Amino acid sequence: MKRTLMMGLAVLTIGSAAPLFAADGYFDWLGNRIDRRLDARGDRFNDRLDGRGDRINDRLDARGDRIDERLDARGDRINDRLDNRAEKAQAEGKSKLAERLDRRGDRIDARLDRRGDSIENHLDRRGNRFERYYDRAGDRINNRLDRRDWQRRHYRFGR
């Protein structure tokens, strides 16, 4: 008897609650709520991945700048040393030696500048690769969340 009474009350409760959920607008409200949750989740993923890509890119840019400054300083030291030797040679009347030393200092300085630029460009490309990777990962997550939203709207609730 007790069991039958409990089952009867359960059926009565379900029967009275079903029209409430079937009322117009309930599933629209639920769908909008789910849409907002999925959009917010996708935005959080995107923001986190963009931040990670920016941090990596900034770190690689700083590394490239440090390397470039170090190579510039090295080139300046070498060029100054060769300029001093060229001035000394010029004072002693050895003009051809002075010209050769000047050209050599300029060549070494130019080579170190090109090397620094090459390293900096390599690190920039690497940073850009990381950023593109994280952007694509964020897009994949957004697409997946959008597909889940589309499937929910078209299959689960029969719209």
C-alpha atoms as a PDB file:
ATOM      1  CA  MET A   1       0.000   0.000   0.000  1.00  0.00           C
ATOM      2  CA  LYS A   2       2.752   2.372   0.959  1.00  0.00           C
ATOM      3  CA  ARG A   3       4.601   1.546  -2.254  1.00  0.00           C
ATOM      4  CA  THR A   4       1.536   2.071  -4.400  1.00  0.00           C
ATOM      5  CA  LEU A   5       0.819   5.372  -2.734  1.00  0.00           C
ATOM      6  CA  MET A   6       4.410   6.575  -3.361  1.00  0.00           C
ATOM      7  CA  MET A   7       4.250   5.536  -7.009  1.00  0.00           C
ATOM      8  CA  GLY A   8       0.959   7.327  -7.415  1.00  0.00           C
ATOM      9  CA  LEU A   9       2.368  10.520  -5.927  1.00  0.00           C
ATOM     10  CA  ALA A  10       5.449  10.271  -8.179  1.00  0.00           C
ATOM     11  CA  VAL A  11       3.285   9.863 -11.289  1.00  0.00           C
ATOM     12  CA  LEU A  12       1.105  12.780 -10.179  1.00  0.00           C
ATOM     13  CA  THR A  13       4.187  14.980  -9.649  1.00  0.00           C
ATOM     14  CA  ILE A  14       5.688  14.076 -13.024  1.00  0.00           C
ATOM     15  CA  GLY A  15       2.344  14.545 -14.723  1.00  0.00           C
ATOM     16  CA  SER A  16       1.876  18.009 -13.274  1.00  0.00           C
ATOM     17  CA  ALA A  17       5.483  19.107 -13.950  1.00  0.00           C
ATOM     18  CA  ALA A  18       5.587  17.936 -17.598  1.00  0.00           C
ATOM     19  CA  PRO A  19       3.280  20.700 -18.926  1.00  0.00           C
ATOM     20  CA  LEU A  20       5.404  23.275 -17.108  1.00  0.00           C
ATOM     21  CA  PHE A  21       8.525  22.192 -18.992  1.00  0.00           C
ATOM     22  CA  ALA A  22       6.614  21.865 -22.249  1.00  0.00           C
ATOM     23  CA  ALA A  23       5.372  25.449 -22.035  1.00  0.00           C
ATOM     24  CA  ASP A  24       6.411  27.855 -24.773  1.00  0.00           C
ATOM     25  CA  GLY A  25       9.752  29.447 -24.205  1.00  0.00           C
ATOM     26  CA  TYR A  26      11.190  27.013 -21.665  1.00  0.00           C
ATOM     27  CA  PHE A  27      13.489  25.282 -24.137  1.00  0.00           C
ATOM     28  CA  ASP A  28      14.342  28.623 -25.751  1.00  0.00           C
ATOM     29  CA  TRP A  29      15.392  29.926 -22.364  1.00  0.00           C
ATOM     30  CA  LEU A  30      17.366  26.748 -21.682  1.00  0.00           C
ATOM     31  CA  GLY A  31      18.980  26.882 -25.138  1.00  0.00           C
ATOM     32  CA  ASN A  32      19.996  30.509 -24.671  1.00  0.00           C
ATOM     33  CA  ARG A  33      21.494  29.687 -21.309  1.00  0.00           C
ATOM     34  CA  ILE A  34      23.500  26.810 -22.809  1.00  0.00           C
ATOM     35  CA  ASP A  35      24.573  29.050 -25.714  1.00  0.00           C
ATOM     36  CA  ARG A  36      25.875  31.681 -23.328  1.00  0.00           C
ATOM     37  CA  ARG A  37      27.780  29.062 -21.330  1.00  0.00           C
ATOM     38  CA  LEU A  38      29.414  27.600 -24.452  1.00  0.00           C
ATOM     39  CA  ASP A  39      30.278  31.042 -25.826  1.00  0.00           C
ATOM     40  CA  ALA A  40      31.823  32.091 -22.523  1.00  0.00           C
ATOM     41  CA  ARG A  41      33.812  28.861 -22.391  1.00  0.00           C
ATOM     42  CA  GLY A  42      35.096  29.399 -25.928  1.00  0.00           C
ATOM     43  CA  ASP A  43      36.033  32.985 -25.109  1.00  0.00           C
ATOM     44  CA  ARG A  44      37.947  31.846 -22.028  1.00  0.00           C
ATOM     45  CA  PHE A  45      39.856  29.278 -24.096  1.00  0.00           C
ATOM     46  CA  ASN A  46      40.639  31.878 -26.751  1.00  0.00           C
ATOM     47  CA  ASP A  47      41.795  34.453 -24.231  1.00  0.00           C
ATOM     48  CA  ARG A  48      43.997  31.956 -22.456  1.00  0.00           C
ATOM     49  CA  LEU A  49      45.578  30.715 -25.697  1.00  0.00           C
ATOM     50  CA  ASP A  50      46.065  34.252 -27.009  1.00  0.00           C
ATOM     51  CA  GLY A  51      47.745  35.231 -23.763  1.00  0.00           C
ATOM     52  CA  ARG A  52      50.030  32.218 -23.960  1.00  0.00           C
ATOM     53  CA  GLY A  53      50.984  33.027 -27.554  1.00  0.00           C
ATOM     54  CA  ASP A  54      51.640  36.667 -26.668  1.00  0.00           C
ATOM     55  CA  ARG A  55      53.839  35.700 -23.727  1.00  0.00           C
ATOM     56  CA  ILE A  56      55.900  33.317 -25.851  1.00  0.00           C
ATOM     57  CA  ASN A  57      56.216  35.885 -28.629  1.00  0.00           C
ATOM     58  CA  ASP A  58      57.280  38.613 -26.191  1.00  0.00           C
ATOM     59  CA  ARG A  59      59.830  36.318 -24.604  1.00  0.00           C
ATOM     60  CA  LEU A  60      61.308  35.421 -28.004  1.00  0.00           C
ATOM     61  CA  ASP A  61      61.348  39.093 -29.050  1.00  0.00           C
ATOM     62  CA  ALA A  62      63.232  40.020 -25.882  1.00  0.00           C
ATOM     63  CA  ARG A  63      65.683  37.196 -26.492  1.00  0.00           C
ATOM     64  CA  GLY A  64      66.260  38.402 -30.063  1.00  0.00           C
ATOM     65  CA  ASP A  65      66.796  41.961 -28.861  1.00  0.00           C
ATOM     66  CA  ARG A  66      69.348  40.806 -26.291  1.00  0.00           C
ATOM     67  CA  ILE A  67      71.254  38.783 -28.892  1.00  0.00           C
ATOM     68  CA  ASP A  68      71.129  41.657 -31.383  1.00  0.00           C
ATOM     69  CA  GLU A  69      72.414  44.162 -28.803  1.00  0.00           C
ATOM     70  CA  ARG A  70      75.213  41.809 -27.784  1.00  0.00           C
ATOM     71  CA  LEU A  71      76.300  41.335 -31.404  1.00  0.00           C
ATOM     72  CA  ASP A  72      76.098  45.088 -32.057  1.00  0.00           C
ATOM     73  CA  ALA A  73      78.296  45.778 -29.036  1.00  0.00           C
ATOM     74  CA  ARG A  74      80.768  43.145 -30.212  1.00  0.00           C
ATOM     75  CA  GLY A  75      80.855  44.659 -33.705  1.00  0.00           C
ATOM     76  CA  ASP A  76      81.371  48.136 -32.263  1.00  0.00           C
ATOM     77  CA  ARG A  77      84.271  46.944 -30.110  1.00  0.00           C
ATOM     78  CA  ILE A  78      85.942  45.242 -33.065  1.00  0.00           C
ATOM     79  CA  ASN A  79      85.335  48.227 -35.330  1.00  0.00           C
ATOM     80  CA  ASP A  80      86.720  50.656 -32.723  1.00  0.00           C
ATOM     81  CA  ARG A  81      89.815  48.520 -32.233  1.00  0.00           C
ATOM     82  CA  LEU A  82      90.454  48.354 -35.975  1.00  0.00           C
ATOM     83  CA  ASP A  83      89.780  52.102 -36.327  1.00  0.00           C
ATOM     84  CA  ASN A  84      92.388  52.805 -33.651  1.00  0.00           C
ATOM     85  CA  ARG A  85      94.878  50.597 -35.480  1.00  0.00           C
ATOM     86  CA  ALA A  86      94.013  52.368 -38.746  1.00  0.00           C
ATOM     87  CA  GLU A  87      94.594  55.799 -37.151  1.00  0.00           C
ATOM     88  CA  LYS A  88      97.930  54.631 -35.824  1.00  0.00           C
ATOM     89  CA  ALA A  89      98.881  53.258 -39.260  1.00  0.00           C
ATOM     90  CA  GLN A  90      97.775  56.549 -40.886  1.00  0.00           C
ATOM     91  CA  ALA A  91      99.938  58.492 -38.438  1.00  0.00           C
ATOM     92  CA  GLU A  92     102.907  56.311 -39.384  1.00  0.00           C
ATOM     93  CA  GLY A  93     102.262  57.010 -43.083  1.00  0.00           C
ATOM     94  CA  LYS A  94     100.828  53.576 -43.948  1.00  0.00           C
ATOM     95  CA  SER A  95      97.675  54.748 -45.730  1.00  0.00           C
ATOM     96  CA  LYS A  96      96.949  51.461 -47.571  1.00  0.00           C
ATOM     97  CA  LEU A  97      97.077  49.525 -44.301  1.00  0.00           C
ATOM     98  CA  ALA A  98      94.789  52.110 -42.696  1.00  0.00           C
ATOM     99  CA  GLU A  99      92.240  51.797 -45.523  1.00  0.00           C
ATOM    100  CA  ARG A 100      92.373  48.016 -45.378  1.00  0.00           C
ATOM    101  CA  LEU A 101      91.813  48.044 -41.602  1.00  0.00           C
ATOM    102  CA  ASP A 102      88.850  50.418 -41.984  1.00  0.00           C
ATOM    103  CA  ARG A 103      87.245  48.205 -44.646  1.00  0.00           C
ATOM    104  CA  ARG A 104      87.857  45.117 -42.527  1.00  0.00           C
ATOM    105  CA  GLY A 105      86.194  46.720 -39.486  1.00  0.00           C
ATOM    106  CA  ASP A 106      83.212  47.777 -41.587  1.00  0.00           C
ATOM    107  CA  ARG A 107      82.868  44.277 -43.090  1.00  0.00           C
ATOM    108  CA  ILE A 108      82.963  42.610 -39.666  1.00  0.00           C
ATOM    109  CA  ASP A 109      80.466  45.103 -38.251  1.00  0.00           C
ATOM    110  CA  ALA A 110      78.118  44.597 -41.212  1.00  0.00           C
ATOM    111  CA  ARG A 111      78.406  40.803 -40.923  1.00  0.00           C
ATOM    112  CA  LEU A 112      77.567  40.868 -37.220  1.00  0.00           C
ATOM    113  CA  ASP A 113      74.601  43.189 -37.920  1.00  0.00           C
ATOM    114  CA  ARG A 114      73.294  40.770 -40.568  1.00  0.00           C
ATOM    115  CA  ARG A 115      73.778  37.862 -38.203  1.00  0.00           C
ATOM    116  CA  GLY A 116      71.860  39.670 -35.436  1.00  0.00           C
ATOM    117  CA  ASP A 117      69.054  40.549 -37.845  1.00  0.00           C
ATOM    118  CA  SER A 118      68.908  36.960 -39.053  1.00  0.00           C
ATOM    119  CA  ILE A 119      68.669  35.596 -35.503  1.00  0.00           C
ATOM    120  CA  GLU A 120      66.035  38.171 -34.586  1.00  0.00           C
ATOM    121  CA  ASN A 121      63.993  37.321 -37.706  1.00  0.00           C
ATOM    122  CA  HIS A 122      64.253  33.615 -36.915  1.00  0.00           C
ATOM    123  CA  LEU A 123      62.956  34.181 -33.386  1.00  0.00           C
ATOM    124  CA  ASP A 124      60.161  36.429 -34.702  1.00  0.00           C
ATOM    125  CA  ARG A 125      59.074  33.723 -37.140  1.00  0.00           C
ATOM    126  CA  ARG A 126      59.153  31.181 -34.344  1.00  0.00           C
ATOM    127  CA  GLY A 127      57.012  33.432 -32.130  1.00  0.00           C
ATOM    128  CA  ASN A 128      54.566  33.981 -34.977  1.00  0.00           C
ATOM    129  CA  ARG A 129      54.362  30.222 -35.487  1.00  0.00           C
ATOM    130  CA  PHE A 130      53.428  29.772 -31.827  1.00  0.00           C
ATOM    131  CA  GLU A 131      50.797  32.490 -32.065  1.00  0.00           C
ATOM    132  CA  ARG A 132      49.277  30.967 -35.219  1.00  0.00           C
ATOM    133  CA  TYR A 133      49.251  27.541 -33.561  1.00  0.00           C
ATOM    134  CA  TYR A 134      47.399  28.847 -30.524  1.00  0.00           C
ATOM    135  CA  ASP A 135      44.987  30.830 -32.706  1.00  0.00           C
ATOM    136  CA  ARG A 136      44.163  27.683 -34.691  1.00  0.00           C
ATOM    137  CA  ALA A 137      43.726  25.710 -31.473  1.00  0.00           C
ATOM    138  CA  GLY A 138      41.328  28.368 -30.195  1.00  0.00           C
ATOM    139  CA  ASP A 139      39.414  28.280 -33.471  1.00  0.00           C
ATOM    140  CA  ARG A 140      39.118  24.490 -33.279  1.00  0.00           C
ATOM    141  CA  ILE A 141      37.737  24.742 -29.744  1.00  0.00           C
ATOM    142  CA  ASN A 142      35.285  27.436 -30.801  1.00  0.00           C
ATOM    143  CA  ASN A 143      34.156  25.342 -33.771  1.00  0.00           C
ATOM    144  CA  ARG A 144      33.690  22.320 -31.547  1.00  0.00           C
ATOM    145  CA  LEU A 145      31.643  24.315 -29.072  1.00  0.00           C
ATOM    146  CA  ASP A 146      29.612  25.823 -31.928  1.00  0.00           C
ATOM    147  CA  ARG A 147      28.925  22.336 -33.306  1.00  0.00           C
ATOM    148  CA  ARG A 148      27.754  21.224 -29.885  1.00  0.00           C
ATOM    149  CA  ASP A 149      25.430  24.213 -29.778  1.00  0.00           C
ATOM    150  CA  TRP A 150      24.155  23.475 -33.304  1.00  0.00           C
ATOM    151  CA  GLN A 151      23.579  19.812 -32.478  1.00  0.00           C
ATOM    152  CA  ARG A 152      21.787  20.713 -29.286  1.00  0.00           C
ATOM    153  CA  ARG A 153      19.497  23.099 -31.112  1.00  0.00           C
ATOM    154  CA  HIS A 154      18.694  20.814 -34.048  1.00  0.00           C
ATOM    155  CA  TYR A 155      18.656  17.330 -32.623  1.00  0.00           C
ATOM    156  CA  ARG A 156      17.939  17.248 -28.934  1.00  0.00           C
ATOM    157  CA  PHE A 157      14.951  19.523 -28.678  1.00  0.00           C
ATOM    158  CA  GLY A 158      13.420  18.827 -32.079  1.00  0.00           C
ATOM    159  CA  ARG A 159      13.389  22.313 -33.529  1.00  0.00           C
END
